[in-house]
């Protein structure tokens, strides 16, 4: 009642202090959740390493899925040691992204991000921030606050495929950090309708070609481990994501993960991903190929990579 509200105000600021306390609790939960994922990906028994990760009575009373097999040893640190302090106090470390998937729409960017998130040294924001095209006026502090907490040595990433065709995006990302690594997933423009060379010219005004990796959307389907190997090399990561992480879903016609991030269950992308597309008259397809051929040739020359669309 009124007495309780009065005590709350006297303790330091009424509603403001409650809000601040709520943010601290939220940050602590986020930090411990990130640590759980980090440990699970490495096959480490988080309960032995950190008793705070043990579920409370409310969680233990619910039906829980079987935990993955974890090693009870090789803890990266103990409470108070140098290995885990950021997560124990929940503060973590939010960084601006060191790598951004900038395009292209409907090329396979969501699949690439979900596959990359299996890697223990990759942390990525799930929703598309649209910072460099729609929300730039909110400022870098707002953008950084969207990012997940990371440990030293982990990479922060985001993906917003509309950046590739946004005129202002290259200059804005360069202003954030000239060292940002950029990833572009491309597919046959006949099926995705896009003149890649035109937009790439704008990006090359601000970034060297060696700082941009072009991922084949077709090979991301036919050989996901092979394309992920290239991406891991580009990001300076150990090649942890391999063939063992994937299985091919014949219904969707798309590769799926045997185990998603922080889970022991198989995971496929949503219903809108990997769906069948209508057949196009071959005469129309040929006319489109003839139209795109000179643009494709220029794109191959600019990237030094033949994607075989002709």
C-alpha atoms as a PDB file:
ATOM      1  CA  UNK A   1       0.000   0.000   0.000  1.00  0.00           C
ATOM      2  CA  UNK A   2       0.986   3.642   0.634  1.00  0.00           C
ATOM      3  CA  UNK A   3       3.495   2.653   3.342  1.00  0.00           C
ATOM      4  CA  UNK A   4       5.252   0.247   0.968  1.00  0.00           C
ATOM      5  CA  UNK A   5       5.404   2.870  -1.800  1.00  0.00           C
ATOM      6  CA  UNK A   6       6.833   5.360   0.698  1.00  0.00           C
ATOM      7  CA  UNK A   7       9.599   2.955   1.714  1.00  0.00           C
ATOM      8  CA  UNK A   8      10.421   2.422  -1.944  1.00  0.00           C
ATOM      9  CA  UNK A   9      10.713   6.160  -2.566  1.00  0.00           C
ATOM     10  CA  UNK A  10      12.862   6.694   0.532  1.00  0.00           C
ATOM     11  CA  UNK A  11      15.282   3.994  -0.624  1.00  0.00           C
ATOM     12  CA  UNK A  12      16.280   6.149  -3.546  1.00  0.00           C
ATOM     13  CA  UNK A  13      14.077   7.642  -6.144  1.00  0.00           C
ATOM     14  CA  UNK A  14      10.712   5.885  -6.350  1.00  0.00           C
ATOM     15  CA  UNK A  15       9.874   4.696  -9.838  1.00  0.00           C
ATOM     16  CA  UNK A  16      13.264   5.617 -11.242  1.00  0.00           C
ATOM     17  CA  UNK A  17      15.117   3.369  -8.776  1.00  0.00           C
ATOM     18  CA  UNK A  18      12.727   0.492  -9.455  1.00  0.00           C
ATOM     19  CA  UNK A  19      13.346   0.922 -13.184  1.00  0.00           C
ATOM     20  CA  UNK A  20      17.107   0.973 -12.648  1.00  0.00           C
ATOM     21  CA  UNK A  21      16.890  -2.160 -10.509  1.00  0.00           C
ATOM     22  CA  UNK A  22      14.824  -3.823 -13.217  1.00  0.00           C
ATOM     23  CA  UNK A  23      17.474  -3.004 -15.799  1.00  0.00           C
ATOM     24  CA  UNK A  24      20.167  -4.461 -13.572  1.00  0.00           C
ATOM     25  CA  UNK A  25      18.187  -7.682 -13.156  1.00  0.00           C
ATOM     26  CA  UNK A  26      17.603  -7.842 -16.894  1.00  0.00           C
ATOM     27  CA  UNK A  27      21.294  -7.269 -17.634  1.00  0.00           C
ATOM     28  CA  UNK A  28      22.296  -9.960 -15.146  1.00  0.00           C
ATOM     29  CA  UNK A  29      19.927 -12.491 -16.722  1.00  0.00           C
ATOM     30  CA  UNK A  30      21.245 -11.611 -20.181  1.00  0.00           C
ATOM     31  CA  UNK A  31      24.840 -12.020 -19.026  1.00  0.00           C
ATOM     32  CA  UNK A  32      24.208 -15.425 -17.451  1.00  0.00           C
ATOM     33  CA  UNK A  33      22.238 -16.529 -20.511  1.00  0.00           C
ATOM     34  CA  UNK A  34      25.150 -15.583 -22.749  1.00  0.00           C
ATOM     35  CA  UNK A  35      27.503 -17.535 -20.505  1.00  0.00           C
ATOM     36  CA  UNK A  36      25.298 -20.631 -20.664  1.00  0.00           C
ATOM     37  CA  UNK A  37      25.409 -20.510 -24.463  1.00  0.00           C
ATOM     38  CA  UNK A  38      29.168 -19.905 -24.474  1.00  0.00           C
ATOM     39  CA  UNK A  39      29.776 -22.931 -22.213  1.00  0.00           C
ATOM     40  CA  UNK A  40      27.334 -25.252 -24.008  1.00  0.00           C
ATOM     41  CA  UNK A  41      28.940 -24.533 -27.375  1.00  0.00           C
ATOM     42  CA  UNK A  42      32.282 -25.570 -25.934  1.00  0.00           C
ATOM     43  CA  UNK A  43      30.909 -28.729 -24.309  1.00  0.00           C
ATOM     44  CA  UNK A  44      31.691 -27.472 -20.790  1.00  0.00           C
ATOM     45  CA  UNK A  45      29.652 -28.311 -17.712  1.00  0.00           C
ATOM     46  CA  UNK A  46      28.481 -24.824 -16.719  1.00  0.00           C
ATOM     47  CA  UNK A  47      27.070 -25.965 -13.367  1.00  0.00           C
ATOM     48  CA  UNK A  48      30.489 -27.161 -12.218  1.00  0.00           C
ATOM     49  CA  UNK A  49      32.122 -23.982 -13.460  1.00  0.00           C
ATOM     50  CA  UNK A  50      29.487 -21.619 -12.156  1.00  0.00           C
ATOM     51  CA  UNK A  51      26.856 -22.675  -9.576  1.00  0.00           C
ATOM     52  CA  UNK A  52      24.880 -19.527 -10.398  1.00  0.00           C
ATOM     53  CA  UNK A  53      23.888 -21.189 -13.668  1.00  0.00           C
ATOM     54  CA  UNK A  54      21.943 -23.879 -11.780  1.00  0.00           C
ATOM     55  CA  UNK A  55      18.196 -23.427 -12.451  1.00  0.00           C
ATOM     56  CA  UNK A  56      16.101 -22.165  -9.548  1.00  0.00           C
ATOM     57  CA  UNK A  57      13.279 -24.199  -7.965  1.00  0.00           C
ATOM     58  CA  UNK A  58      10.677 -22.757 -10.332  1.00  0.00           C
ATOM     59  CA  UNK A  59      12.624 -23.829 -13.393  1.00  0.00           C
ATOM     60  CA  UNK A  60      13.541 -27.230 -11.982  1.00  0.00           C
ATOM     61  CA  UNK A  61       9.879 -27.980 -11.332  1.00  0.00           C
ATOM     62  CA  UNK A  62       9.035 -27.653 -15.011  1.00  0.00           C
ATOM     63  CA  UNK A  63       9.615 -30.360 -17.578  1.00  0.00           C
ATOM     64  CA  UNK A  64      13.009 -29.647 -19.063  1.00  0.00           C
ATOM     65  CA  UNK A  65      14.571 -31.139 -22.218  1.00  0.00           C
ATOM     66  CA  UNK A  66      17.520 -33.427 -21.710  1.00  0.00           C
ATOM     67  CA  UNK A  67      20.750 -31.488 -21.385  1.00  0.00           C
ATOM     68  CA  UNK A  68      23.517 -32.102 -23.914  1.00  0.00           C
ATOM     69  CA  UNK A  69      26.449 -34.200 -22.823  1.00  0.00           C
ATOM     70  CA  UNK A  70      28.968 -31.834 -21.241  1.00  0.00           C
ATOM     71  CA  UNK A  71      32.428 -32.255 -19.872  1.00  0.00           C
ATOM     72  CA  UNK A  72      32.665 -31.796 -16.095  1.00  0.00           C
ATOM     73  CA  UNK A  73      36.213 -30.492 -16.421  1.00  0.00           C
ATOM     74  CA  UNK A  74      38.151 -27.846 -18.358  1.00  0.00           C
ATOM     75  CA  UNK A  75      36.277 -24.927 -16.828  1.00  0.00           C
ATOM     76  CA  UNK A  76      37.509 -21.658 -18.369  1.00  0.00           C
ATOM     77  CA  UNK A  77      37.571 -20.032 -14.937  1.00  0.00           C
ATOM     78  CA  UNK A  78      35.985 -19.994 -11.504  1.00  0.00           C
ATOM     79  CA  UNK A  79      34.053 -17.344  -9.671  1.00  0.00           C
ATOM     80  CA  UNK A  80      36.400 -14.441  -9.164  1.00  0.00           C
ATOM     81  CA  UNK A  81      38.985 -15.791 -11.639  1.00  0.00           C
ATOM     82  CA  UNK A  82      39.925 -14.000 -14.831  1.00  0.00           C
ATOM     83  CA  UNK A  83      37.948 -16.366 -17.069  1.00  0.00           C
ATOM     84  CA  UNK A  84      34.349 -15.398 -16.267  1.00  0.00           C
ATOM     85  CA  UNK A  85      34.019 -12.152 -14.280  1.00  0.00           C
ATOM     86  CA  UNK A  86      32.061 -10.196 -16.867  1.00  0.00           C
ATOM     87  CA  UNK A  87      29.195 -12.641 -16.764  1.00  0.00           C
ATOM     88  CA  UNK A  88      29.045 -13.074 -12.998  1.00  0.00           C
ATOM     89  CA  UNK A  89      28.127  -9.440 -12.438  1.00  0.00           C
ATOM     90  CA  UNK A  90      25.920  -9.353 -15.530  1.00  0.00           C
ATOM     91  CA  UNK A  91      27.645  -6.273 -16.955  1.00  0.00           C
ATOM     92  CA  UNK A  92      29.118  -8.050 -19.954  1.00  0.00           C
ATOM     93  CA  UNK A  93      30.663  -6.041 -22.737  1.00  0.00           C
ATOM     94  CA  UNK A  94      28.549  -4.640 -25.556  1.00  0.00           C
ATOM     95  CA  UNK A  95      30.547  -3.804 -28.647  1.00  0.00           C
ATOM     96  CA  UNK A  96      29.738  -2.246 -31.980  1.00  0.00           C
ATOM     97  CA  UNK A  97      29.767  -5.000 -34.623  1.00  0.00           C
ATOM     98  CA  UNK A  98      33.085  -5.957 -36.126  1.00  0.00           C
ATOM     99  CA  UNK A  99      31.310  -7.686 -39.033  1.00  0.00           C
ATOM    100  CA  UNK A 100      28.032  -6.918 -40.798  1.00  0.00           C
ATOM    101  CA  UNK A 101      26.028  -8.982 -43.290  1.00  0.00           C
ATOM    102  CA  UNK A 102      24.923  -6.182 -45.612  1.00  0.00           C
ATOM    103  CA  UNK A 103      22.996  -8.070 -48.291  1.00  0.00           C
ATOM    104  CA  UNK A 104      21.296  -9.076 -50.317  1.00  0.00           C
ATOM    105  CA  UNK A 105      17.575  -9.423 -49.750  1.00  0.00           C
ATOM    106  CA  UNK A 106      16.256 -12.967 -50.247  1.00  0.00           C
ATOM    107  CA  UNK A 107      19.789 -14.176 -50.853  1.00  0.00           C
ATOM    108  CA  UNK A 108      20.172 -16.385 -47.782  1.00  0.00           C
ATOM    109  CA  UNK A 109      21.308 -13.864 -45.165  1.00  0.00           C
ATOM    110  CA  UNK A 110      19.100 -15.280 -42.399  1.00  0.00           C
ATOM    111  CA  UNK A 111      20.398 -18.789 -43.039  1.00  0.00           C
ATOM    112  CA  UNK A 112      23.998 -17.567 -42.963  1.00  0.00           C
ATOM    113  CA  UNK A 113      23.493 -15.733 -39.685  1.00  0.00           C
ATOM    114  CA  UNK A 114      21.770 -18.707 -38.026  1.00  0.00           C
ATOM    115  CA  UNK A 115      24.559 -21.010 -39.180  1.00  0.00           C
ATOM    116  CA  UNK A 116      27.250 -18.628 -37.909  1.00  0.00           C
ATOM    117  CA  UNK A 117      25.620 -18.341 -34.494  1.00  0.00           C
ATOM    118  CA  UNK A 118      26.535 -21.983 -33.873  1.00  0.00           C
ATOM    119  CA  UNK A 119      30.154 -20.861 -33.603  1.00  0.00           C
ATOM    120  CA  UNK A 120      31.155 -20.220 -29.970  1.00  0.00           C
ATOM    121  CA  UNK A 121      33.052 -17.059 -30.903  1.00  0.00           C
ATOM    122  CA  UNK A 122      30.188 -15.397 -32.784  1.00  0.00           C
ATOM    123  CA  UNK A 123      27.489 -13.374 -31.040  1.00  0.00           C
ATOM    124  CA  UNK A 124      24.832 -11.731 -33.165  1.00  0.00           C
ATOM    125  CA  UNK A 125      21.685  -9.709 -32.638  1.00  0.00           C
ATOM    126  CA  UNK A 126      18.668 -11.661 -33.894  1.00  0.00           C
ATOM    127  CA  UNK A 127      16.404  -8.953 -35.328  1.00  0.00           C
ATOM    128  CA  UNK A 128      17.582  -6.710 -38.150  1.00  0.00           C
ATOM    129  CA  UNK A 129      18.589  -3.360 -36.551  1.00  0.00           C
ATOM    130  CA  UNK A 130      18.232  -1.309 -39.762  1.00  0.00           C
ATOM    131  CA  UNK A 131      20.511   1.238 -38.128  1.00  0.00           C
ATOM    132  CA  UNK A 132      22.418   2.455 -41.177  1.00  0.00           C
ATOM    133  CA  UNK A 133      19.300   2.872 -43.322  1.00  0.00           C
ATOM    134  CA  UNK A 134      16.313   3.676 -41.064  1.00  0.00           C
ATOM    135  CA  UNK A 135      17.530   4.443 -37.533  1.00  0.00           C
ATOM    136  CA  UNK A 136      20.794   6.302 -38.013  1.00  0.00           C
ATOM    137  CA  UNK A 137      19.528   9.412 -36.228  1.00  0.00           C
ATOM    138  CA  UNK A 138      19.239   7.374 -33.002  1.00  0.00           C
ATOM    139  CA  UNK A 139      23.026   7.346 -32.691  1.00  0.00           C
ATOM    140  CA  UNK A 140      25.750   4.768 -32.106  1.00  0.00           C
ATOM    141  CA  UNK A 141      24.966   4.434 -28.395  1.00  0.00           C
ATOM    142  CA  UNK A 142      21.470   3.203 -29.267  1.00  0.00           C
ATOM    143  CA  UNK A 143      22.908   0.842 -31.873  1.00  0.00           C
ATOM    144  CA  UNK A 144      25.512  -0.610 -29.500  1.00  0.00           C
ATOM    145  CA  UNK A 145      22.860  -1.219 -26.848  1.00  0.00           C
ATOM    146  CA  UNK A 146      21.091  -3.572 -29.275  1.00  0.00           C
ATOM    147  CA  UNK A 147      24.138  -5.821 -29.451  1.00  0.00           C
ATOM    148  CA  UNK A 148      24.623  -8.944 -27.315  1.00  0.00           C
ATOM    149  CA  UNK A 149      27.294  -9.072 -24.635  1.00  0.00           C
ATOM    150  CA  UNK A 150      30.565 -10.661 -25.627  1.00  0.00           C
ATOM    151  CA  UNK A 151      33.727 -12.067 -24.105  1.00  0.00           C
ATOM    152  CA  UNK A 152      37.187 -11.083 -25.280  1.00  0.00           C
ATOM    153  CA  UNK A 153      37.906 -12.837 -28.543  1.00  0.00           C
ATOM    154  CA  UNK A 154      34.261 -13.096 -29.604  1.00  0.00           C
ATOM    155  CA  UNK A 155      32.917 -11.287 -32.665  1.00  0.00           C
ATOM    156  CA  UNK A 156      29.793  -9.132 -32.581  1.00  0.00           C
ATOM    157  CA  UNK A 157      27.696  -9.305 -35.758  1.00  0.00           C
ATOM    158  CA  UNK A 158      24.435  -8.103 -37.218  1.00  0.00           C
ATOM    159  CA  UNK A 159      22.654  -8.505 -40.529  1.00  0.00           C
ATOM    160  CA  UNK A 160      20.437  -6.089 -42.420  1.00  0.00           C
ATOM    161  CA  UNK A 161      20.342  -7.012 -46.134  1.00  0.00           C
ATOM    162  CA  UNK A 162      18.877  -3.698 -47.251  1.00  0.00           C
ATOM    163  CA  UNK A 163      22.192  -1.972 -46.431  1.00  0.00           C
ATOM    164  CA  UNK A 164      23.670  -3.161 -49.730  1.00  0.00           C
ATOM    165  CA  UNK A 165      21.269  -1.027 -51.779  1.00  0.00           C
ATOM    166  CA  UNK A 166      21.202   1.943 -49.370  1.00  0.00           C
ATOM    167  CA  UNK A 167      23.261   4.801 -50.809  1.00  0.00           C
ATOM    168  CA  UNK A 168      24.255   6.246 -47.405  1.00  0.00           C
ATOM    169  CA  UNK A 169      25.152   2.918 -45.747  1.00  0.00           C
ATOM    170  CA  UNK A 170      28.807   2.584 -46.912  1.00  0.00           C
ATOM    171  CA  UNK A 171      29.820   6.039 -45.623  1.00  0.00           C
ATOM    172  CA  UNK A 172      27.964   5.497 -42.355  1.00  0.00           C
ATOM    173  CA  UNK A 173      29.516   2.108 -41.638  1.00  0.00           C
ATOM    174  CA  UNK A 174      32.946   3.468 -42.564  1.00  0.00           C
ATOM    175  CA  UNK A 175      32.415   6.348 -40.139  1.00  0.00           C
ATOM    176  CA  UNK A 176      31.694   3.800 -37.393  1.00  0.00           C
ATOM    177  CA  UNK A 177      34.821   1.782 -38.212  1.00  0.00           C
ATOM    178  CA  UNK A 178      36.871   1.582 -41.382  1.00  0.00           C
ATOM    179  CA  UNK A 179      37.934  -1.908 -40.318  1.00  0.00           C
ATOM    180  CA  UNK A 180      34.417  -3.388 -40.341  1.00  0.00           C
ATOM    181  CA  UNK A 181      34.273  -6.658 -42.282  1.00  0.00           C
ATOM    182  CA  UNK A 182      31.376  -6.878 -44.718  1.00  0.00           C
ATOM    183  CA  UNK A 183      29.611 -10.003 -45.978  1.00  0.00           C
ATOM    184  CA  UNK A 184      27.310 -10.116 -49.002  1.00  0.00           C
ATOM    185  CA  UNK A 185      25.257 -13.199 -49.878  1.00  0.00           C
ATOM    186  CA  UNK A 186      24.471 -13.158 -53.607  1.00  0.00           C
ATOM    187  CA  UNK A 187      22.321 -15.356 -55.809  1.00  0.00           C
ATOM    188  CA  UNK A 188      21.613 -15.540 -59.511  1.00  0.00           C
ATOM    189  CA  UNK A 189      20.071 -12.127 -60.306  1.00  0.00           C
ATOM    190  CA  UNK A 190      17.622 -13.805 -62.656  1.00  0.00           C
ATOM    191  CA  UNK A 191      15.941 -15.285 -59.587  1.00  0.00           C
ATOM    192  CA  UNK A 192      16.543 -12.309 -57.273  1.00  0.00           C
ATOM    193  CA  UNK A 193      16.407  -9.331 -59.685  1.00  0.00           C
ATOM    194  CA  UNK A 194      19.430  -7.233 -58.801  1.00  0.00           C
ATOM    195  CA  UNK A 195      22.327  -5.432 -60.544  1.00  0.00           C
ATOM    196  CA  UNK A 196      25.094  -6.132 -58.042  1.00  0.00           C
ATOM    197  CA  UNK A 197      27.884  -4.266 -59.838  1.00  0.00           C
ATOM    198  CA  UNK A 198      26.015  -0.957 -59.662  1.00  0.00           C
ATOM    199  CA  UNK A 199      25.683  -1.074 -55.871  1.00  0.00           C
ATOM    200  CA  UNK A 200      29.140  -2.559 -55.296  1.00  0.00           C
ATOM    201  CA  UNK A 201      30.734   0.488 -56.917  1.00  0.00           C
ATOM    202  CA  UNK A 202      29.329   2.622 -54.102  1.00  0.00           C
ATOM    203  CA  UNK A 203      30.790   0.334 -51.414  1.00  0.00           C
ATOM    204  CA  UNK A 204      34.223   0.323 -53.031  1.00  0.00           C
ATOM    205  CA  UNK A 205      34.432   4.084 -52.510  1.00  0.00           C
ATOM    206  CA  UNK A 206      34.745   3.381 -48.774  1.00  0.00           C
ATOM    207  CA  UNK A 207      36.010  -0.208 -48.368  1.00  0.00           C
ATOM    208  CA  UNK A 208      38.723  -2.208 -50.174  1.00  0.00           C
ATOM    209  CA  UNK A 209      37.507  -5.280 -52.018  1.00  0.00           C
ATOM    210  CA  UNK A 210      39.524  -7.503 -49.682  1.00  0.00           C
ATOM    211  CA  UNK A 211      37.348  -6.366 -46.779  1.00  0.00           C
ATOM    212  CA  UNK A 212      34.178  -7.649 -48.442  1.00  0.00           C
ATOM    213  CA  UNK A 213      33.351 -11.359 -48.657  1.00  0.00           C
ATOM    214  CA  UNK A 214      30.880 -12.551 -51.276  1.00  0.00           C
ATOM    215  CA  UNK A 215      29.046 -15.723 -50.302  1.00  0.00           C
ATOM    216  CA  UNK A 216      27.300 -17.813 -52.943  1.00  0.00           C
ATOM    217  CA  UNK A 217      23.652 -18.282 -51.996  1.00  0.00           C
ATOM    218  CA  UNK A 218      23.495 -21.336 -54.251  1.00  0.00           C
ATOM    219  CA  UNK A 219      26.483 -22.997 -52.572  1.00  0.00           C
ATOM    220  CA  UNK A 220      25.116 -22.063 -49.157  1.00  0.00           C
ATOM    221  CA  UNK A 221      22.352 -24.548 -50.026  1.00  0.00           C
ATOM    222  CA  UNK A 222      24.375 -27.212 -51.843  1.00  0.00           C
ATOM    223  CA  UNK A 223      27.504 -27.041 -49.647  1.00  0.00           C
ATOM    224  CA  UNK A 224      26.808 -25.065 -46.465  1.00  0.00           C
ATOM    225  CA  UNK A 225      29.902 -26.320 -44.648  1.00  0.00           C
ATOM    226  CA  UNK A 226      32.135 -25.285 -47.551  1.00  0.00           C
ATOM    227  CA  UNK A 227      30.751 -21.740 -47.663  1.00  0.00           C
ATOM    228  CA  UNK A 228      30.849 -21.485 -43.862  1.00  0.00           C
ATOM    229  CA  UNK A 229      34.497 -22.488 -44.009  1.00  0.00           C
ATOM    230  CA  UNK A 230      35.211 -19.480 -46.225  1.00  0.00           C
ATOM    231  CA  UNK A 231      33.263 -17.202 -43.891  1.00  0.00           C
ATOM    232  CA  UNK A 232      35.079 -18.470 -40.805  1.00  0.00           C
ATOM    233  CA  UNK A 233      38.434 -17.902 -42.505  1.00  0.00           C
ATOM    234  CA  UNK A 234      37.392 -14.383 -43.515  1.00  0.00           C
ATOM    235  CA  UNK A 235      36.380 -13.553 -39.942  1.00  0.00           C
ATOM    236  CA  UNK A 236      39.601 -14.998 -38.518  1.00  0.00           C
ATOM    237  CA  UNK A 237      37.750 -17.789 -36.710  1.00  0.00           C
ATOM    238  CA  UNK A 238      38.751 -21.380 -36.132  1.00  0.00           C
ATOM    239  CA  UNK A 239      36.894 -23.715 -38.505  1.00  0.00           C
ATOM    240  CA  UNK A 240      34.438 -25.196 -36.023  1.00  0.00           C
ATOM    241  CA  UNK A 241      31.282 -25.296 -38.177  1.00  0.00           C
ATOM    242  CA  UNK A 242      31.610 -28.349 -40.454  1.00  0.00           C
ATOM    243  CA  UNK A 243      29.498 -30.958 -42.260  1.00  0.00           C
ATOM    244  CA  UNK A 244      28.574 -32.543 -38.937  1.00  0.00           C
ATOM    245  CA  UNK A 245      26.417 -29.524 -38.079  1.00  0.00           C
ATOM    246  CA  UNK A 246      24.025 -29.893 -41.045  1.00  0.00           C
ATOM    247  CA  UNK A 247      21.435 -32.202 -42.532  1.00  0.00           C
ATOM    248  CA  UNK A 248      19.440 -31.653 -45.719  1.00  0.00           C
ATOM    249  CA  UNK A 249      15.687 -31.228 -45.339  1.00  0.00           C
ATOM    250  CA  UNK A 250      14.157 -32.709 -48.492  1.00  0.00           C
ATOM    251  CA  UNK A 251      10.764 -31.119 -47.842  1.00  0.00           C
ATOM    252  CA  UNK A 252      12.177 -27.598 -47.679  1.00  0.00           C
ATOM    253  CA  UNK A 253      14.977 -28.293 -50.127  1.00  0.00           C
ATOM    254  CA  UNK A 254      17.307 -26.520 -47.728  1.00  0.00           C
ATOM    255  CA  UNK A 255      20.031 -27.450 -45.232  1.00  0.00           C
ATOM    256  CA  UNK A 256      19.077 -27.336 -41.545  1.00  0.00           C
ATOM    257  CA  UNK A 257      21.091 -27.345 -38.351  1.00  0.00           C
ATOM    258  CA  UNK A 258      21.343 -30.531 -36.323  1.00  0.00           C
ATOM    259  CA  UNK A 259      21.663 -28.337 -33.220  1.00  0.00           C
ATOM    260  CA  UNK A 260      20.794 -24.654 -33.066  1.00  0.00           C
ATOM    261  CA  UNK A 261      22.549 -22.073 -30.902  1.00  0.00           C
ATOM    262  CA  UNK A 262      22.174 -22.971 -27.223  1.00  0.00           C
ATOM    263  CA  UNK A 263      19.996 -26.008 -28.024  1.00  0.00           C
ATOM    264  CA  UNK A 264      20.356 -29.742 -28.456  1.00  0.00           C
ATOM    265  CA  UNK A 265      17.454 -29.950 -30.929  1.00  0.00           C
ATOM    266  CA  UNK A 266      17.474 -29.784 -34.762  1.00  0.00           C
ATOM    267  CA  UNK A 267      16.486 -26.449 -36.214  1.00  0.00           C
ATOM    268  CA  UNK A 268      15.226 -25.375 -39.640  1.00  0.00           C
ATOM    269  CA  UNK A 269      14.436 -21.847 -40.716  1.00  0.00           C
ATOM    270  CA  UNK A 270      10.809 -20.672 -40.725  1.00  0.00           C
ATOM    271  CA  UNK A 271       8.101 -21.536 -43.248  1.00  0.00           C
ATOM    272  CA  UNK A 272       8.991 -18.577 -45.459  1.00  0.00           C
ATOM    273  CA  UNK A 273      12.574 -19.837 -45.874  1.00  0.00           C
ATOM    274  CA  UNK A 274      13.474 -22.489 -48.421  1.00  0.00           C
ATOM    275  CA  UNK A 275       9.960 -22.475 -49.874  1.00  0.00           C
ATOM    276  CA  UNK A 276       9.340 -23.596 -53.488  1.00  0.00           C
ATOM    277  CA  UNK A 277       9.034 -20.875 -56.125  1.00  0.00           C
ATOM    278  CA  UNK A 278       6.766 -20.797 -59.189  1.00  0.00           C
ATOM    279  CA  UNK A 279       8.098 -21.963 -62.533  1.00  0.00           C
ATOM    280  CA  UNK A 280       9.043 -19.207 -64.976  1.00  0.00           C
ATOM    281  CA  UNK A 281       8.656 -19.551 -68.735  1.00  0.00           C
ATOM    282  CA  UNK A 282      12.065 -20.453 -70.181  1.00  0.00           C
ATOM    283  CA  UNK A 283      11.826 -17.793 -72.871  1.00  0.00           C
ATOM    284  CA  UNK A 284      11.447 -15.165 -70.124  1.00  0.00           C
ATOM    285  CA  UNK A 285      14.365 -16.701 -68.218  1.00  0.00           C
ATOM    286  CA  UNK A 286      16.589 -16.523 -71.307  1.00  0.00           C
ATOM    287  CA  UNK A 287      15.696 -12.889 -71.924  1.00  0.00           C
ATOM    288  CA  UNK A 288      16.593 -12.106 -68.313  1.00  0.00           C
ATOM    289  CA  UNK A 289      19.912 -13.943 -68.669  1.00  0.00           C
ATOM    290  CA  UNK A 290      20.743 -11.948 -71.777  1.00  0.00           C
ATOM    291  CA  UNK A 291      19.908  -8.717 -69.942  1.00  0.00           C
ATOM    292  CA  UNK A 292      21.990  -9.534 -66.844  1.00  0.00           C
ATOM    293  CA  UNK A 293      24.995 -11.097 -68.622  1.00  0.00           C
ATOM    294  CA  UNK A 294      27.058  -7.882 -69.081  1.00  0.00           C
ATOM    295  CA  UNK A 295      26.310  -6.808 -65.499  1.00  0.00           C
ATOM    296  CA  UNK A 296      27.302 -10.254 -64.217  1.00  0.00           C
ATOM    297  CA  UNK A 297      30.566 -10.140 -66.170  1.00  0.00           C
ATOM    298  CA  UNK A 298      31.393  -6.778 -64.624  1.00  0.00           C
ATOM    299  CA  UNK A 299      30.537  -8.104 -61.157  1.00  0.00           C
ATOM    300  CA  UNK A 300      32.809 -11.139 -61.693  1.00  0.00           C
ATOM    301  CA  UNK A 301      35.663  -8.816 -62.689  1.00  0.00           C
ATOM    302  CA  UNK A 302      35.133  -6.540 -59.693  1.00  0.00           C
ATOM    303  CA  UNK A 303      35.047  -9.390 -57.176  1.00  0.00           C
ATOM    304  CA  UNK A 304      37.542 -11.718 -58.870  1.00  0.00           C
ATOM    305  CA  UNK A 305      34.988 -14.506 -58.503  1.00  0.00           C
ATOM    306  CA  UNK A 306      32.911 -16.294 -61.155  1.00  0.00           C
ATOM    307  CA  UNK A 307      29.583 -17.325 -59.615  1.00  0.00           C
ATOM    308  CA  UNK A 308      28.570 -19.370 -62.696  1.00  0.00           C
ATOM    309  CA  UNK A 309      25.237 -17.677 -63.320  1.00  0.00           C
ATOM    310  CA  UNK A 310      25.684 -17.858 -67.090  1.00  0.00           C
END
